[in-house]
Amino acid sequence: MSSKKYQGKVAADLRAYWTRQIEAAGVWPCWRCGRWLTLDSPWHVGHVVDRMDGGPDIPANTRPECAKCNTRAGGKRGAAITNARRRKPSTSSAPTKGNTLPW
């Protein structure tokens, strides 16, 4: 089960795990775009199955990815949530018989 906040020991342990993997291999592909990542390039630990979809905070569900890819994916997810919450405009804005203007 994933924790509410992705920080602290869980995040540090996953970052350390993937740092060792990248260090051993020399380079590692971003799982989203395929760019080669090194320890010097900006990278994040990304979830294959998002945490909000029930994905666990374990190495098998995480991959190193470009910082740009991770923030873009999170932005798309956030935008989809925000847009789904927006109220759709009414199709009938003209007054009806019981809904007439007083003047």
C-alpha atoms as a PDB file:
ATOM      1  CA  MET A   1       0.000   0.000   0.000  1.00  0.00           C
ATOM      2  CA  SER A   2       1.377   3.414  -0.871  1.00  0.00           C
ATOM      3  CA  SER A   3       1.853   6.124   1.679  1.00  0.00           C
ATOM      4  CA  LYS A   4      -0.103   9.385   1.523  1.00  0.00           C
ATOM      5  CA  LYS A   5       2.997  11.491   0.968  1.00  0.00           C
ATOM      6  CA  TYR A   6       5.822  10.442  -1.299  1.00  0.00           C
ATOM      7  CA  GLN A   7       8.739  11.720   0.694  1.00  0.00           C
ATOM      8  CA  GLY A   8      11.113  10.782   3.455  1.00  0.00           C
ATOM      9  CA  LYS A   9      12.517   7.275   3.752  1.00  0.00           C
ATOM     10  CA  VAL A  10      10.393   5.681   1.013  1.00  0.00           C
ATOM     11  CA  ALA A  11      11.444   8.228  -1.604  1.00  0.00           C
ATOM     12  CA  ALA A  12      15.066   8.184  -0.419  1.00  0.00           C
ATOM     13  CA  ASP A  13      15.193   4.376  -0.568  1.00  0.00           C
ATOM     14  CA  LEU A  14      13.781   4.285  -4.116  1.00  0.00           C
ATOM     15  CA  ARG A  15      16.133   7.050  -5.253  1.00  0.00           C
ATOM     16  CA  ALA A  16      19.082   5.131  -3.737  1.00  0.00           C
ATOM     17  CA  TYR A  17      17.959   1.907  -5.439  1.00  0.00           C
ATOM     18  CA  TRP A  18      17.787   3.516  -8.883  1.00  0.00           C
ATOM     19  CA  THR A  19      21.014   5.465  -8.301  1.00  0.00           C
ATOM     20  CA  ARG A  20      22.787   2.132  -7.755  1.00  0.00           C
ATOM     21  CA  GLN A  21      21.205   0.713 -10.932  1.00  0.00           C
ATOM     22  CA  ILE A  22      22.230   3.700 -13.055  1.00  0.00           C
ATOM     23  CA  GLU A  23      25.692   3.739 -11.484  1.00  0.00           C
ATOM     24  CA  ALA A  24      26.206   0.038 -12.269  1.00  0.00           C
ATOM     25  CA  ALA A  25      25.000   0.389 -15.861  1.00  0.00           C
ATOM     26  CA  GLY A  26      26.587   3.792 -16.550  1.00  0.00           C
ATOM     27  CA  VAL A  27      23.431   4.997 -18.290  1.00  0.00           C
ATOM     28  CA  TRP A  28      19.748   4.092 -18.099  1.00  0.00           C
ATOM     29  CA  PRO A  29      16.919   4.893 -20.524  1.00  0.00           C
ATOM     30  CA  CYS A  30      14.023   7.079 -19.435  1.00  0.00           C
ATOM     31  CA  TRP A  31      11.081   4.701 -19.502  1.00  0.00           C
ATOM     32  CA  ARG A  32       8.796   7.355 -20.994  1.00  0.00           C
ATOM     33  CA  CYS A  33      10.871   8.869 -23.814  1.00  0.00           C
ATOM     34  CA  GLY A  34      13.936   6.629 -24.099  1.00  0.00           C
ATOM     35  CA  ARG A  35      16.551   9.368 -23.543  1.00  0.00           C
ATOM     36  CA  TRP A  36      19.669   8.124 -21.818  1.00  0.00           C
ATOM     37  CA  LEU A  37      19.960   9.206 -18.194  1.00  0.00           C
ATOM     38  CA  THR A  38      23.145   9.494 -16.176  1.00  0.00           C
ATOM     39  CA  LEU A  39      23.640  10.426 -12.545  1.00  0.00           C
ATOM     40  CA  ASP A  40      24.569  13.935 -13.750  1.00  0.00           C
ATOM     41  CA  SER A  41      21.372  14.463 -15.745  1.00  0.00           C
ATOM     42  CA  PRO A  42      18.169  15.636 -14.033  1.00  0.00           C
ATOM     43  CA  TRP A  43      16.033  12.562 -13.369  1.00  0.00           C
ATOM     44  CA  HIS A  44      13.182  11.523 -11.094  1.00  0.00           C
ATOM     45  CA  VAL A  45      11.844   8.222  -9.852  1.00  0.00           C
ATOM     46  CA  GLY A  46       8.536   7.816 -11.669  1.00  0.00           C
ATOM     47  CA  HIS A  47       5.723   5.381 -11.001  1.00  0.00           C
ATOM     48  CA  VAL A  48       4.585   2.996 -13.728  1.00  0.00           C
ATOM     49  CA  VAL A  49       1.149   2.697 -12.100  1.00  0.00           C
ATOM     50  CA  ASP A  50       0.403   6.065 -10.492  1.00  0.00           C
ATOM     51  CA  ARG A  51       0.144   6.189  -6.743  1.00  0.00           C
ATOM     52  CA  MET A  52      -3.333   7.683  -6.975  1.00  0.00           C
ATOM     53  CA  ASP A  53      -4.357   4.614  -9.005  1.00  0.00           C
ATOM     54  CA  GLY A  54      -3.101   2.317  -6.247  1.00  0.00           C
ATOM     55  CA  GLY A  55       0.437   1.761  -7.512  1.00  0.00           C
ATOM     56  CA  PRO A  56       2.801   0.769  -4.695  1.00  0.00           C
ATOM     57  CA  ASP A  57       6.044   2.513  -3.753  1.00  0.00           C
ATOM     58  CA  ILE A  58       8.294  -0.416  -4.640  1.00  0.00           C
ATOM     59  CA  PRO A  59      11.150  -0.745  -7.154  1.00  0.00           C
ATOM     60  CA  ALA A  60       9.079  -3.021  -9.422  1.00  0.00           C
ATOM     61  CA  ASN A  61       6.546  -0.185  -9.909  1.00  0.00           C
ATOM     62  CA  THR A  62       9.088   2.606 -10.369  1.00  0.00           C
ATOM     63  CA  ARG A  63      11.527   3.571 -13.106  1.00  0.00           C
ATOM     64  CA  PRO A  64      14.000   6.388 -13.585  1.00  0.00           C
ATOM     65  CA  GLU A  65      12.695   9.026 -15.942  1.00  0.00           C
ATOM     66  CA  CYS A  66      13.673  12.480 -17.168  1.00  0.00           C
ATOM     67  CA  ALA A  67      12.602  15.235 -14.820  1.00  0.00           C
ATOM     68  CA  LYS A  68      10.807  16.790 -17.792  1.00  0.00           C
ATOM     69  CA  CYS A  69       8.857  13.602 -18.544  1.00  0.00           C
ATOM     70  CA  ASN A  70       7.818  13.151 -14.923  1.00  0.00           C
ATOM     71  CA  THR A  71       6.596  16.716 -14.459  1.00  0.00           C
ATOM     72  CA  ARG A  72       4.814  16.623 -17.826  1.00  0.00           C
ATOM     73  CA  ALA A  73       3.019  13.391 -16.899  1.00  0.00           C
ATOM     74  CA  GLY A  74       1.968  14.831 -13.540  1.00  0.00           C
ATOM     75  CA  GLY A  75       0.797  18.027 -15.220  1.00  0.00           C
ATOM     76  CA  LYS A  76      -1.330  16.106 -17.699  1.00  0.00           C
ATOM     77  CA  ARG A  77      -2.866  14.087 -14.892  1.00  0.00           C
ATOM     78  CA  GLY A  78      -3.603  17.188 -12.844  1.00  0.00           C
ATOM     79  CA  ALA A  79      -5.109  18.958 -15.849  1.00  0.00           C
ATOM     80  CA  ALA A  80      -7.366  15.985 -16.574  1.00  0.00           C
ATOM     81  CA  ILE A  81      -8.626  15.998 -12.992  1.00  0.00           C
ATOM     82  CA  THR A  82      -9.188  19.751 -12.994  1.00  0.00           C
ATOM     83  CA  ASN A  83     -10.968  19.722 -16.344  1.00  0.00           C
ATOM     84  CA  ALA A  84     -13.235  16.868 -15.270  1.00  0.00           C
ATOM     85  CA  ARG A  85     -14.311  18.872 -12.213  1.00  0.00           C
ATOM     86  CA  ARG A  86     -15.294  21.922 -14.217  1.00  0.00           C
ATOM     87  CA  ARG A  87     -18.999  22.433 -14.546  1.00  0.00           C
ATOM     88  CA  LYS A  88     -20.266  22.069 -18.046  1.00  0.00           C
ATOM     89  CA  PRO A  89     -22.173  25.099 -19.329  1.00  0.00           C
ATOM     90  CA  SER A  90     -25.918  24.848 -19.534  1.00  0.00           C
ATOM     91  CA  THR A  91     -27.303  24.194 -23.008  1.00  0.00           C
ATOM     92  CA  SER A  92     -30.376  26.302 -22.327  1.00  0.00           C
ATOM     93  CA  SER A  93     -29.632  29.786 -21.047  1.00  0.00           C
ATOM     94  CA  ALA A  94     -32.794  31.432 -22.449  1.00  0.00           C
ATOM     95  CA  PRO A  95     -35.539  32.110 -19.903  1.00  0.00           C
ATOM     96  CA  THR A  96     -38.469  29.725 -19.949  1.00  0.00           C
ATOM     97  CA  LYS A  97     -42.093  30.373 -18.939  1.00  0.00           C
ATOM     98  CA  GLY A  98     -41.487  29.810 -15.227  1.00  0.00           C
ATOM     99  CA  ASN A  99     -38.038  31.364 -15.393  1.00  0.00           C
ATOM    100  CA  THR A 100     -38.740  34.821 -16.841  1.00  0.00           C
ATOM    101  CA  LEU A 101     -36.973  38.044 -16.049  1.00  0.00           C
ATOM    102  CA  PRO A 102     -38.902  40.532 -13.860  1.00  0.00           C
ATOM    103  CA  TRP A 103     -38.508  43.545 -16.165  1.00  0.00           C
END
